[in-house]
N, C-alpha and C. Protein backbone atom coordinates (compact mmCIF):
# COMPACT_ATOMS: atom_id res chain seq x y z
N MET A 1 20.86 -16.78 12.29
CA MET A 1 21.17 -15.93 11.65
C MET A 1 22.55 -15.35 11.40
N ILE A 2 23.00 -14.92 10.77
CA ILE A 2 24.31 -14.00 10.96
C ILE A 2 24.27 -12.88 9.39
N ILE A 3 23.72 -11.73 9.96
CA ILE A 3 23.56 -10.80 9.23
C ILE A 3 24.84 -9.53 9.07
N GLY A 4 24.84 -9.58 7.73
CA GLY A 4 26.25 -8.32 7.49
C GLY A 4 25.47 -7.30 6.69
N LEU A 5 26.34 -6.18 7.37
CA LEU A 5 25.63 -4.57 6.94
C LEU A 5 26.90 -4.14 6.07
N LEU A 6 26.67 -3.64 4.92
CA LEU A 6 27.92 -3.23 4.22
C LEU A 6 27.28 -2.23 3.33
N ASN A 7 28.01 -1.35 3.32
CA ASN A 7 27.84 0.03 1.83
C ASN A 7 29.18 0.67 2.00
N GLN A 8 30.04 0.98 0.73
CA GLN A 8 31.24 1.39 0.94
C GLN A 8 31.18 2.82 0.49
N LYS A 9 30.16 3.47 0.54
CA LYS A 9 29.47 4.96 0.77
C LYS A 9 29.49 5.05 2.51
N GLY A 10 30.43 6.19 3.28
CA GLY A 10 30.66 5.96 4.55
C GLY A 10 29.25 7.19 4.96
N GLY A 11 28.34 7.30 6.27
CA GLY A 11 27.53 8.21 6.28
C GLY A 11 26.12 7.53 6.12
N VAL A 12 26.12 6.46 5.92
CA VAL A 12 24.82 5.54 5.82
C VAL A 12 24.04 5.18 6.83
N GLY A 13 24.85 5.08 7.87
CA GLY A 13 24.17 4.71 9.88
C GLY A 13 24.23 3.52 9.77
N LYS A 14 25.31 2.50 9.08
CA LYS A 14 25.84 1.34 8.99
C LYS A 14 25.60 0.82 10.41
N THR A 15 26.45 1.03 11.49
CA THR A 15 26.75 0.99 12.82
C THR A 15 25.27 1.18 13.50
N THR A 16 24.67 2.54 13.31
CA THR A 16 23.52 2.64 13.79
C THR A 16 22.78 1.72 13.76
N LEU A 17 22.17 0.93 12.41
CA LEU A 17 21.59 -0.12 12.22
C LEU A 17 21.91 -1.85 12.62
N ALA A 18 23.11 -1.59 13.17
CA ALA A 18 23.84 -2.80 13.15
C ALA A 18 23.49 -3.22 14.54
N THR A 19 23.61 -2.05 15.48
CA THR A 19 23.61 -2.07 16.96
C THR A 19 22.15 -1.98 17.20
N HIS A 20 21.23 -1.44 16.72
CA HIS A 20 19.34 -1.47 17.07
C HIS A 20 18.86 -2.95 16.02
N ILE A 21 19.19 -3.42 15.12
CA ILE A 21 19.31 -4.89 14.89
C ILE A 21 19.06 -5.69 16.19
N ALA A 22 20.34 -5.78 16.78
CA ALA A 22 20.75 -6.72 17.55
C ALA A 22 20.01 -6.54 18.77
N GLY A 23 20.25 -5.00 19.44
CA GLY A 23 19.29 -4.70 20.58
C GLY A 23 17.67 -5.32 20.18
N GLU A 24 17.13 -5.15 19.26
CA GLU A 24 15.80 -5.33 18.93
C GLU A 24 15.77 -6.89 19.18
N LEU A 25 16.79 -7.35 18.41
CA LEU A 25 16.66 -9.24 18.60
C LEU A 25 16.76 -9.90 19.78
N ALA A 26 17.66 -8.99 20.94
CA ALA A 26 18.36 -9.29 22.21
C ALA A 26 16.94 -8.76 22.63
N ALA A 27 16.40 -8.02 22.63
CA ALA A 27 15.01 -7.38 23.71
C ALA A 27 14.01 -8.41 23.43
N ASN A 28 14.04 -9.42 22.53
CA ASN A 28 12.80 -10.41 21.96
C ASN A 28 13.23 -11.66 22.66
N GLY A 29 14.57 -11.56 23.31
CA GLY A 29 15.03 -12.69 23.86
C GLY A 29 16.06 -13.99 23.16
N ALA A 30 16.69 -13.18 21.82
CA ALA A 30 17.52 -14.11 21.20
C ALA A 30 18.79 -13.85 22.19
N ARG A 31 20.02 -14.80 21.76
CA ARG A 31 21.19 -14.24 22.09
C ARG A 31 21.84 -13.89 21.02
N VAL A 32 22.01 -12.75 21.11
CA VAL A 32 23.06 -12.26 19.99
C VAL A 32 24.07 -11.82 20.02
N ALA A 33 25.31 -11.70 18.82
CA ALA A 33 26.65 -11.04 19.17
C ALA A 33 26.59 -10.03 18.05
N VAL A 34 27.40 -8.67 17.76
CA VAL A 34 27.57 -8.04 16.78
C VAL A 34 29.08 -8.22 17.12
N VAL A 35 29.48 -8.47 15.73
CA VAL A 35 31.06 -8.01 15.19
C VAL A 35 31.29 -7.09 14.50
N ASP A 36 32.12 -6.40 15.16
CA ASP A 36 32.25 -5.16 14.52
C ASP A 36 33.70 -5.69 13.64
N ALA A 37 33.35 -5.66 12.26
CA ALA A 37 34.40 -5.65 11.26
C ALA A 37 35.19 -4.32 10.69
N ASP A 38 34.43 -3.30 11.52
CA ASP A 38 35.03 -1.85 10.29
C ASP A 38 36.59 -1.19 11.31
N PRO A 39 37.15 -1.68 10.73
CA PRO A 39 38.43 -0.96 11.43
C PRO A 39 38.32 0.33 12.40
N GLN A 40 37.24 1.25 12.10
CA GLN A 40 37.22 2.22 12.57
C GLN A 40 36.31 1.79 14.43
N GLY A 41 35.93 0.56 14.08
CA GLY A 41 35.45 0.58 15.35
C GLY A 41 34.61 1.23 15.89
N SER A 42 33.25 1.47 15.18
CA SER A 42 32.25 2.03 16.04
C SER A 42 31.29 1.40 16.88
N ALA A 43 31.19 0.28 16.38
CA ALA A 43 30.31 -0.74 17.27
C ALA A 43 30.86 -0.87 18.81
N LEU A 44 32.16 -1.05 18.88
CA LEU A 44 32.96 -0.96 19.82
C LEU A 44 32.93 0.13 20.74
N ASP A 45 32.89 0.90 20.38
CA ASP A 45 33.19 3.00 20.96
C ASP A 45 31.91 2.54 21.14
N TRP A 46 30.58 2.49 20.98
CA TRP A 46 29.06 2.57 20.95
C TRP A 46 28.87 1.31 22.44
N ALA A 47 29.45 0.56 21.80
CA ALA A 47 29.64 -0.87 23.44
C ALA A 47 30.30 0.10 24.81
N GLN A 48 31.18 0.75 24.16
CA GLN A 48 32.02 0.99 25.70
C GLN A 48 31.34 2.33 26.29
N THR A 49 30.71 3.32 25.69
CA THR A 49 30.13 4.20 25.74
C THR A 49 28.69 4.00 27.04
N ARG A 50 27.98 2.42 26.44
CA ARG A 50 27.30 1.93 26.98
C ARG A 50 27.52 1.33 28.31
N SER A 51 28.40 0.87 28.31
CA SER A 51 29.02 0.57 29.49
C SER A 51 29.77 1.58 30.63
N GLN A 52 30.31 2.50 30.19
CA GLN A 52 30.70 3.41 31.06
C GLN A 52 29.68 4.24 31.85
N THR A 53 28.26 4.38 30.89
CA THR A 53 27.51 5.13 31.77
C THR A 53 26.42 4.10 32.84
N GLY A 54 27.28 2.82 32.51
CA GLY A 54 26.53 1.84 33.50
C GLY A 54 25.30 1.15 33.01
N LEU A 55 24.91 1.40 31.56
CA LEU A 55 23.80 0.65 31.23
C LEU A 55 24.15 -1.00 31.20
N GLU A 56 22.67 -1.62 31.15
CA GLU A 56 22.72 -2.74 30.73
C GLU A 56 23.30 -3.81 29.69
N ARG A 57 24.55 -4.84 30.06
CA ARG A 57 24.92 -5.08 28.47
C ARG A 57 23.49 -6.59 27.92
N LEU A 58 23.61 -5.82 26.57
CA LEU A 58 22.14 -6.16 26.19
C LEU A 58 22.87 -7.44 24.92
N PHE A 59 24.11 -7.48 24.74
CA PHE A 59 24.39 -7.92 23.59
C PHE A 59 25.89 -8.20 23.63
N GLY A 60 26.77 -8.67 23.13
CA GLY A 60 28.55 -8.90 23.44
C GLY A 60 29.09 -8.06 21.96
N VAL A 61 29.88 -7.41 21.73
CA VAL A 61 30.22 -7.17 20.52
C VAL A 61 32.04 -7.30 20.63
N VAL A 62 32.11 -7.74 19.58
CA VAL A 62 33.64 -8.21 19.24
C VAL A 62 34.42 -7.79 18.22
N GLY A 63 35.69 -7.15 18.03
CA GLY A 63 36.23 -6.75 17.20
C GLY A 63 36.87 -7.93 16.45
N LEU A 64 36.63 -7.84 15.13
CA LEU A 64 37.29 -8.66 14.24
C LEU A 64 37.20 -8.48 13.03
N ALA A 65 38.16 -7.30 12.78
CA ALA A 65 38.48 -6.64 11.58
C ALA A 65 39.56 -7.34 10.25
N ARG A 66 39.16 -8.37 10.50
CA ARG A 66 40.30 -9.46 9.90
C ARG A 66 39.64 -10.25 8.70
N GLU A 67 40.94 -10.47 7.35
CA GLU A 67 40.19 -11.01 5.97
C GLU A 67 40.05 -12.68 6.48
N VAL A 68 40.28 -13.17 7.48
CA VAL A 68 39.56 -14.68 7.56
C VAL A 68 38.17 -14.76 8.71
N LEU A 69 37.55 -13.52 8.66
CA LEU A 69 36.41 -13.24 9.15
C LEU A 69 35.17 -14.29 8.60
N HIS A 70 35.07 -14.98 7.71
CA HIS A 70 34.25 -15.90 7.46
C HIS A 70 34.41 -17.03 8.18
N GLN A 71 35.73 -17.25 8.49
CA GLN A 71 36.78 -18.68 9.04
C GLN A 71 35.87 -18.66 10.69
N GLU A 72 35.64 -17.51 11.34
CA GLU A 72 36.36 -17.35 12.73
C GLU A 72 34.50 -16.84 12.98
N VAL A 73 34.02 -16.45 11.88
CA VAL A 73 32.88 -16.12 12.82
C VAL A 73 31.54 -17.27 13.23
N PRO A 74 31.47 -18.63 12.22
CA PRO A 74 30.81 -19.13 12.31
C PRO A 74 30.88 -20.11 14.07
N ASP A 75 32.17 -19.84 14.69
CA ASP A 75 32.48 -20.20 15.88
C ASP A 75 31.49 -19.15 16.91
N ILE A 76 31.47 -17.84 16.39
CA ILE A 76 30.75 -16.98 17.17
C ILE A 76 29.09 -17.46 17.30
N ALA A 77 29.02 -17.76 15.91
CA ALA A 77 27.48 -18.22 15.48
C ALA A 77 26.88 -19.16 16.44
N ARG A 78 28.13 -20.51 16.42
CA ARG A 78 27.38 -21.35 17.26
C ARG A 78 27.16 -20.68 18.53
N ALA A 79 27.57 -19.72 19.28
CA ALA A 79 27.05 -19.50 21.01
C ALA A 79 25.97 -18.63 21.01
N ASN A 80 25.34 -18.42 20.00
CA ASN A 80 24.49 -17.32 19.77
C ASN A 80 23.06 -17.62 18.98
N ASP A 81 22.41 -17.12 18.70
CA ASP A 81 21.41 -17.01 18.19
C ASP A 81 21.37 -16.70 16.56
N HIS A 82 21.60 -15.23 16.47
CA HIS A 82 22.11 -14.29 15.65
C HIS A 82 23.39 -13.32 15.33
N VAL A 83 24.42 -13.31 14.44
CA VAL A 83 25.04 -12.78 14.70
C VAL A 83 25.08 -11.29 13.61
N ILE A 84 25.52 -10.45 14.00
CA ILE A 84 25.35 -9.00 13.15
C ILE A 84 26.70 -8.47 12.76
N ILE A 85 26.75 -8.49 11.77
CA ILE A 85 28.48 -8.06 11.56
C ILE A 85 28.16 -6.81 11.06
N ASP A 86 28.77 -5.36 11.64
CA ASP A 86 29.08 -4.16 10.86
C ASP A 86 30.12 -4.03 10.20
N GLY A 87 30.31 -4.63 8.87
CA GLY A 87 31.13 -4.66 8.11
C GLY A 87 32.26 -3.03 7.92
N PRO A 88 33.03 -3.81 6.90
CA PRO A 88 33.97 -2.15 6.57
C PRO A 88 33.34 -1.19 5.89
N PRO A 89 33.73 -0.35 5.58
CA PRO A 89 33.38 0.79 4.68
C PRO A 89 34.03 0.90 3.52
N ARG A 90 34.78 -0.05 2.67
CA ARG A 90 35.12 0.07 1.56
C ARG A 90 35.23 -1.34 0.99
N VAL A 91 35.27 -1.07 -0.45
CA VAL A 91 35.01 -2.80 -0.96
C VAL A 91 36.75 -3.46 -1.05
N THR A 92 37.01 -3.99 -0.12
CA THR A 92 38.14 -4.63 0.40
C THR A 92 38.22 -6.31 0.09
N ALA A 93 39.09 -6.84 0.50
CA ALA A 93 39.15 -8.35 1.32
C ALA A 93 38.23 -8.88 2.28
N LEU A 94 38.49 -7.61 3.53
CA LEU A 94 37.13 -7.70 4.46
C LEU A 94 35.66 -8.07 3.86
N ALA A 95 35.43 -7.05 3.02
CA ALA A 95 34.41 -6.57 2.77
C ALA A 95 33.86 -8.05 2.04
N ARG A 96 34.53 -8.55 1.38
CA ARG A 96 34.39 -10.28 0.83
C ARG A 96 34.41 -11.15 1.50
N SER A 97 34.90 -11.31 2.68
CA SER A 97 35.18 -11.95 3.85
C SER A 97 33.72 -11.56 5.04
N THR A 98 33.23 -10.58 4.69
CA THR A 98 32.16 -10.48 5.93
C THR A 98 30.90 -10.93 5.15
N ILE A 99 30.74 -10.56 3.50
CA ILE A 99 29.89 -11.48 3.02
C ILE A 99 29.71 -13.12 2.72
N LEU A 100 30.99 -14.00 2.48
CA LEU A 100 30.85 -15.11 3.01
C LEU A 100 30.83 -15.60 4.00
N ALA A 101 30.85 -14.23 5.16
CA ALA A 101 30.29 -15.22 6.49
C ALA A 101 28.63 -15.08 6.99
N SER A 102 28.32 -13.91 5.83
CA SER A 102 26.93 -13.76 6.08
C SER A 102 25.61 -14.90 5.39
N ASP A 103 24.52 -15.26 6.23
CA ASP A 103 23.64 -15.53 5.60
C ASP A 103 22.59 -14.46 4.69
N LEU A 104 22.88 -13.32 5.05
CA LEU A 104 21.83 -12.26 4.58
C LEU A 104 22.96 -11.06 4.77
N VAL A 105 22.96 -10.15 3.55
CA VAL A 105 23.48 -8.99 3.49
C VAL A 105 22.98 -7.95 3.12
N LEU A 106 22.70 -7.19 3.94
CA LEU A 106 22.16 -5.70 4.17
C LEU A 106 22.73 -4.50 3.44
N ILE A 107 21.95 -3.82 2.77
CA ILE A 107 23.22 -2.66 2.33
C ILE A 107 22.34 -1.02 2.47
N PRO A 108 22.76 -0.83 3.70
CA PRO A 108 21.82 0.64 3.76
C PRO A 108 22.12 1.54 3.32
N VAL A 109 21.09 2.39 2.45
CA VAL A 109 21.02 3.36 1.57
C VAL A 109 20.90 4.88 2.41
N GLN A 110 20.89 5.43 1.84
CA GLN A 110 20.01 7.28 1.90
C GLN A 110 19.40 7.02 0.64
N PRO A 111 17.98 7.60 0.27
CA PRO A 111 17.23 7.19 -0.84
C PRO A 111 17.38 8.79 -1.44
N SER A 112 18.54 8.55 -2.57
CA SER A 112 19.40 8.87 -3.36
C SER A 112 19.85 7.85 -4.32
N SER A 113 20.03 8.34 -5.47
CA SER A 113 21.05 8.00 -6.98
C SER A 113 22.24 7.90 -6.00
N TYR A 114 22.47 9.09 -5.40
CA TYR A 114 23.74 8.49 -5.51
C TYR A 114 24.33 7.61 -4.88
N ASP A 115 23.76 7.28 -3.66
CA ASP A 115 24.08 6.41 -2.86
C ASP A 115 24.04 5.04 -3.62
N LEU A 116 22.78 4.55 -4.21
CA LEU A 116 22.70 3.51 -4.87
C LEU A 116 23.66 3.40 -6.15
N TRP A 117 24.21 4.33 -6.58
CA TRP A 117 25.22 4.20 -7.50
C TRP A 117 26.55 3.59 -6.84
N ALA A 118 26.75 4.17 -5.66
CA ALA A 118 28.19 4.25 -5.13
C ALA A 118 28.12 2.95 -4.12
N SER A 119 26.85 2.09 -4.36
CA SER A 119 26.93 0.69 -3.41
C SER A 119 26.68 -0.45 -4.46
N MET A 120 27.11 0.01 -6.23
CA MET A 120 27.23 -1.05 -6.70
C MET A 120 28.33 -1.85 -7.25
N GLU A 121 29.14 -1.53 -6.33
CA GLU A 121 30.68 -2.61 -6.24
C GLU A 121 30.38 -3.50 -5.07
N ILE A 122 29.25 -3.26 -3.82
CA ILE A 122 29.05 -3.95 -3.57
C ILE A 122 28.00 -5.35 -3.72
N VAL A 123 27.07 -4.63 -4.80
CA VAL A 123 26.10 -5.02 -4.83
C VAL A 123 26.74 -6.45 -6.24
N GLN A 124 27.93 -6.27 -6.56
CA GLN A 124 28.96 -6.75 -8.04
C GLN A 124 29.48 -7.99 -6.79
N LEU A 125 30.17 -7.65 -5.73
CA LEU A 125 30.83 -8.66 -4.35
C LEU A 125 29.39 -9.65 -4.09
N ILE A 126 28.52 -9.43 -3.54
CA ILE A 126 27.35 -10.27 -3.51
C ILE A 126 26.98 -10.90 -4.69
N ASN A 127 26.71 -10.51 -5.92
CA ASN A 127 26.87 -11.16 -7.03
C ASN A 127 27.61 -12.66 -7.13
N GLU A 128 29.08 -12.31 -7.17
CA GLU A 128 30.33 -13.22 -7.25
C GLU A 128 30.11 -13.68 -6.07
N ALA A 129 29.70 -13.78 -4.95
CA ALA A 129 29.80 -14.63 -3.72
C ALA A 129 28.84 -15.57 -3.74
N ARG A 130 27.31 -15.09 -4.74
CA ARG A 130 27.02 -16.32 -4.63
C ARG A 130 27.07 -17.18 -5.74
N LEU A 131 28.26 -17.32 -6.54
CA LEU A 131 28.79 -18.58 -7.41
C LEU A 131 28.83 -19.48 -6.35
N PHE A 132 29.62 -18.90 -4.97
CA PHE A 132 29.97 -20.00 -4.11
C PHE A 132 28.65 -20.39 -2.96
N LYS A 133 27.82 -19.21 -2.88
CA LYS A 133 27.11 -19.21 -1.80
C LYS A 133 25.62 -18.91 -2.65
N PRO A 134 25.32 -19.78 -3.13
CA PRO A 134 24.10 -19.53 -3.97
C PRO A 134 22.91 -19.32 -3.12
N ALA A 135 22.31 -20.00 -1.77
CA ALA A 135 21.20 -19.50 -1.11
C ALA A 135 21.67 -17.93 -0.29
N LEU A 136 22.95 -17.54 -0.68
CA LEU A 136 22.96 -15.96 -0.15
C LEU A 136 22.04 -14.77 -0.04
N LYS A 137 21.74 -14.59 0.73
CA LYS A 137 20.19 -13.64 0.50
C LYS A 137 20.96 -12.14 0.88
N ALA A 138 20.32 -10.96 -0.20
CA ALA A 138 20.45 -9.40 0.51
C ALA A 138 19.72 -8.86 -0.22
N ALA A 139 19.75 -7.27 0.85
CA ALA A 139 17.98 -6.53 0.91
C ALA A 139 19.00 -5.12 0.56
N PHE A 140 18.15 -3.99 0.10
CA PHE A 140 18.75 -2.87 0.46
C PHE A 140 17.63 -2.40 1.27
N VAL A 141 18.35 -1.64 2.48
CA VAL A 141 17.76 -1.13 3.57
C VAL A 141 17.85 0.86 3.21
N VAL A 142 16.82 1.45 2.99
CA VAL A 142 16.26 2.90 3.24
C VAL A 142 16.45 3.20 4.46
N ASN A 143 17.50 4.33 5.03
CA ASN A 143 17.85 4.60 5.75
C ASN A 143 18.21 6.02 6.03
N ARG A 144 17.89 6.59 7.11
CA ARG A 144 17.96 8.39 7.17
C ARG A 144 17.13 9.10 6.19
N CYS A 145 15.82 8.13 5.85
CA CYS A 145 14.88 9.08 5.22
C CYS A 145 14.04 10.17 5.31
N ILE A 146 14.07 11.71 4.63
CA ILE A 146 13.31 12.70 5.70
C ILE A 146 12.35 12.33 5.30
N THR A 147 11.61 12.59 6.95
CA THR A 147 9.72 12.22 7.01
C THR A 147 9.44 13.27 5.79
N GLY A 148 8.24 12.69 5.32
CA GLY A 148 7.44 13.44 4.47
C GLY A 148 7.56 13.01 3.56
N THR A 149 9.10 13.12 2.62
CA THR A 149 9.22 12.89 1.48
C THR A 149 8.93 11.55 0.95
N VAL A 150 9.50 11.42 -0.51
CA VAL A 150 8.83 10.05 -0.98
C VAL A 150 10.02 9.37 -1.76
N ILE A 151 10.61 8.59 -1.46
CA ILE A 151 11.39 8.16 -2.71
C ILE A 151 11.02 7.87 -4.12
N GLY A 152 12.28 8.72 -4.75
CA GLY A 152 12.36 8.42 -6.06
C GLY A 152 12.04 7.21 -7.29
N ARG A 153 11.30 7.57 -8.21
CA ARG A 153 10.81 6.29 -8.92
C ARG A 153 12.63 5.85 -9.47
N ASP A 154 13.19 6.91 -9.80
CA ASP A 154 14.51 6.47 -10.33
C ASP A 154 15.70 5.82 -9.10
N VAL A 155 15.27 5.82 -8.00
CA VAL A 155 16.12 5.04 -7.06
C VAL A 155 15.50 3.78 -6.76
N ARG A 156 13.96 3.44 -6.84
CA ARG A 156 13.20 2.18 -6.47
C ARG A 156 13.42 1.54 -7.60
N ASN A 157 13.58 1.85 -8.84
CA ASN A 157 14.18 1.13 -10.48
C ASN A 157 15.13 0.71 -10.15
N ALA A 158 16.10 1.22 -9.24
CA ALA A 158 17.69 0.85 -9.42
C ALA A 158 17.40 -0.19 -8.28
N PHE A 159 16.91 -0.77 -7.51
CA PHE A 159 16.73 -1.88 -6.20
C PHE A 159 16.11 -3.33 -7.08
N ASP A 160 15.82 -2.71 -8.53
CA ASP A 160 15.12 -4.38 -9.08
C ASP A 160 16.81 -4.83 -9.71
N ASP A 161 17.71 -4.56 -9.51
CA ASP A 161 18.93 -5.38 -10.18
C ASP A 161 19.10 -6.66 -9.45
N GLY A 162 18.33 -7.41 -9.01
CA GLY A 162 18.75 -8.60 -8.35
C GLY A 162 18.41 -8.19 -6.85
N ILE A 163 18.43 -7.40 -6.29
CA ILE A 163 18.23 -7.30 -4.75
C ILE A 163 17.64 -6.42 -4.58
N PRO A 164 16.55 -6.76 -4.06
CA PRO A 164 15.30 -5.73 -3.52
C PRO A 164 15.34 -5.37 -2.13
N ALA A 165 14.47 -4.33 -2.14
CA ALA A 165 14.54 -3.43 -0.82
C ALA A 165 13.54 -3.91 0.08
N LEU A 166 13.83 -3.55 1.09
CA LEU A 166 13.40 -3.63 2.64
C LEU A 166 11.87 -2.89 2.31
N GLU A 167 10.54 -3.77 2.74
CA GLU A 167 10.07 -2.34 2.64
C GLU A 167 9.61 -1.48 4.07
N SER A 168 10.58 -2.27 5.08
CA SER A 168 10.43 -0.71 6.07
C SER A 168 11.67 0.32 6.02
N VAL A 169 11.25 1.25 6.16
CA VAL A 169 12.16 2.40 5.99
C VAL A 169 12.27 3.40 7.13
N ILE A 170 13.73 3.39 7.67
CA ILE A 170 14.17 4.24 8.62
C ILE A 170 14.25 5.17 8.75
N GLY A 171 13.16 6.52 9.56
CA GLY A 171 13.37 7.60 8.81
C GLY A 171 14.83 8.41 9.67
N GLN A 172 15.19 9.45 9.24
CA GLN A 172 16.19 10.75 10.01
C GLN A 172 15.49 11.17 11.05
N ARG A 173 16.05 10.38 12.14
CA ARG A 173 15.54 10.95 13.69
C ARG A 173 16.47 11.52 14.64
N ILE A 174 16.28 12.23 15.33
CA ILE A 174 17.16 12.88 16.47
C ILE A 174 17.39 11.70 17.61
N ALA A 175 16.31 10.76 17.82
CA ALA A 175 16.24 9.53 18.57
C ALA A 175 17.74 9.21 18.20
N PHE A 176 17.87 8.89 16.73
CA PHE A 176 19.05 7.92 16.47
C PHE A 176 20.60 8.86 16.88
N VAL A 177 20.55 9.91 16.62
CA VAL A 177 21.59 10.34 16.99
C VAL A 177 22.11 10.87 18.71
N GLU A 178 21.05 10.92 19.46
CA GLU A 178 21.07 10.94 20.63
C GLU A 178 21.23 9.34 21.68
N SER A 179 20.80 8.56 20.74
CA SER A 179 21.72 6.81 21.00
C SER A 179 23.05 6.60 20.31
N VAL A 180 23.72 6.99 19.77
CA VAL A 180 24.60 7.04 19.10
C VAL A 180 25.51 7.88 20.58
N ALA A 181 25.03 9.47 20.76
CA ALA A 181 25.82 9.66 22.34
C ALA A 181 25.88 9.11 23.15
N THR A 182 24.80 8.36 24.03
CA THR A 182 24.74 8.05 25.04
C THR A 182 24.81 6.55 25.06
N GLY A 183 24.90 5.60 23.76
CA GLY A 183 25.07 4.09 23.99
C GLY A 183 23.75 3.58 24.28
N ARG A 184 22.92 4.16 24.14
CA ARG A 184 21.30 3.73 24.19
C ARG A 184 20.91 2.98 22.96
N LEU A 185 20.03 2.47 22.94
CA LEU A 185 18.85 2.12 21.68
C LEU A 185 17.19 3.36 21.58
N VAL A 186 17.26 3.67 20.60
CA VAL A 186 15.93 4.07 20.76
C VAL A 186 15.08 3.75 20.95
N ARG A 187 15.08 2.46 21.68
CA ARG A 187 13.77 1.72 22.18
C ARG A 187 14.03 2.42 23.90
N GLU A 188 15.12 2.37 24.15
CA GLU A 188 15.42 2.67 25.98
C GLU A 188 14.83 4.31 26.11
N LEU A 189 15.03 5.38 24.49
CA LEU A 189 14.78 6.69 24.97
C LEU A 189 13.15 6.53 24.33
N ASP A 190 12.65 6.16 24.10
CA ASP A 190 11.74 6.32 23.73
C ASP A 190 10.70 4.48 23.12
N LYS A 191 10.37 3.81 23.99
CA LYS A 191 9.92 2.54 23.38
C LYS A 191 8.90 2.76 22.46
N ARG A 192 7.95 3.93 22.77
CA ARG A 192 6.53 3.89 21.61
C ARG A 192 7.03 5.06 20.84
N GLY A 193 8.13 5.24 20.46
CA GLY A 193 8.34 6.38 19.38
C GLY A 193 8.54 5.56 18.07
N ALA A 194 8.26 6.86 17.26
CA ALA A 194 8.12 6.42 15.83
C ALA A 194 9.77 5.63 15.60
N ALA A 195 10.91 6.41 15.85
CA ALA A 195 12.17 5.79 15.77
C ALA A 195 12.02 4.22 16.06
N ALA A 196 11.79 3.67 17.58
CA ALA A 196 11.75 2.44 17.73
C ALA A 196 10.52 1.54 17.21
N LYS A 197 9.31 2.33 16.46
CA LYS A 197 8.67 1.57 15.36
C LYS A 197 9.00 0.79 14.44
N GLU A 198 9.63 1.79 13.99
CA GLU A 198 10.03 1.65 13.18
C GLU A 198 11.86 0.29 12.70
N ILE A 199 12.46 0.43 14.02
CA ILE A 199 13.17 -0.72 13.84
C ILE A 199 12.96 -2.22 14.69
N ALA A 200 11.40 -1.91 14.89
CA ALA A 200 11.02 -3.24 15.37
C ALA A 200 10.49 -3.92 14.03
N ALA A 201 9.47 -2.66 13.26
CA ALA A 201 9.49 -3.43 11.70
C ALA A 201 10.54 -3.48 11.12
N LEU A 202 11.45 -3.19 10.88
CA LEU A 202 12.29 -3.76 10.07
C LEU A 202 13.28 -5.14 10.67
N THR A 203 13.56 -5.04 12.01
CA THR A 203 13.68 -6.06 12.78
C THR A 203 12.94 -7.28 12.52
N ALA A 204 11.64 -7.46 12.05
CA ALA A 204 10.30 -8.53 11.99
C ALA A 204 11.24 -8.73 10.45
N GLU A 205 10.61 -7.65 9.92
CA GLU A 205 11.23 -7.85 8.19
C GLU A 205 12.50 -8.76 8.37
N ILE A 206 13.53 -8.46 8.78
CA ILE A 206 14.96 -9.00 8.29
C ILE A 206 14.40 -10.95 8.85
N MET A 207 13.70 -10.52 9.83
CA MET A 207 13.75 -12.15 10.13
C MET A 207 12.92 -12.86 9.70
N GLU A 208 11.83 -12.42 8.60
CA GLU A 208 11.06 -12.86 7.57
C GLU A 208 11.96 -13.12 6.50
N GLN A 209 12.82 -12.85 6.39
CA GLN A 209 13.73 -13.19 5.06
C GLN A 209 14.58 -14.22 5.24
N GLY A 210 14.99 -14.70 6.83
CA GLY A 210 15.96 -16.03 7.18
C GLY A 210 14.85 -16.80 7.01
N THR A 211 13.33 -16.67 7.07
CA THR A 211 12.62 -18.22 6.89
C THR A 211 12.51 -18.75 5.43
């Protein structure tokens, strides 16, 4: 499956989710590649940090911030079980190419109406792409949710615009900050920790979307 992560709003944890979903799939025995389609190259930076500290390579990371992404990703997909695309942070031709390349588009959002409003252009692009790819799937992923709070009713209602929210919610945890700084996955920091369990549950739910 080719999974694209997109949101025009920065700071929603797109790269962290992309690398962790890839890592969870790889840990379960799948061949996985991450395509860094963000000109900032955050996924590539994470992989370089990991390499510099001598950690095992879990999956390949390829920089491909080009508007012909949808033409090139299928070649990468043929050599892997899954491809995770860390998409660009703005609505551009590159974002459209990411959507066209994907079987499933995930939109990471923090649990606030402001984040949802900011994602509406991505939703519009997805709906436009469905004219060409009727089978294209999409879902919101609630990320960086503060533990002990609930997602407001207004936020949940906003999910009813043809794109659902996955049940799995990722909390705002120090483990994710540490993972970015060290090039590790939260499962490597604490396999039994809450962060690792949340990533495992999210990845399992994502795989169900592809069935």
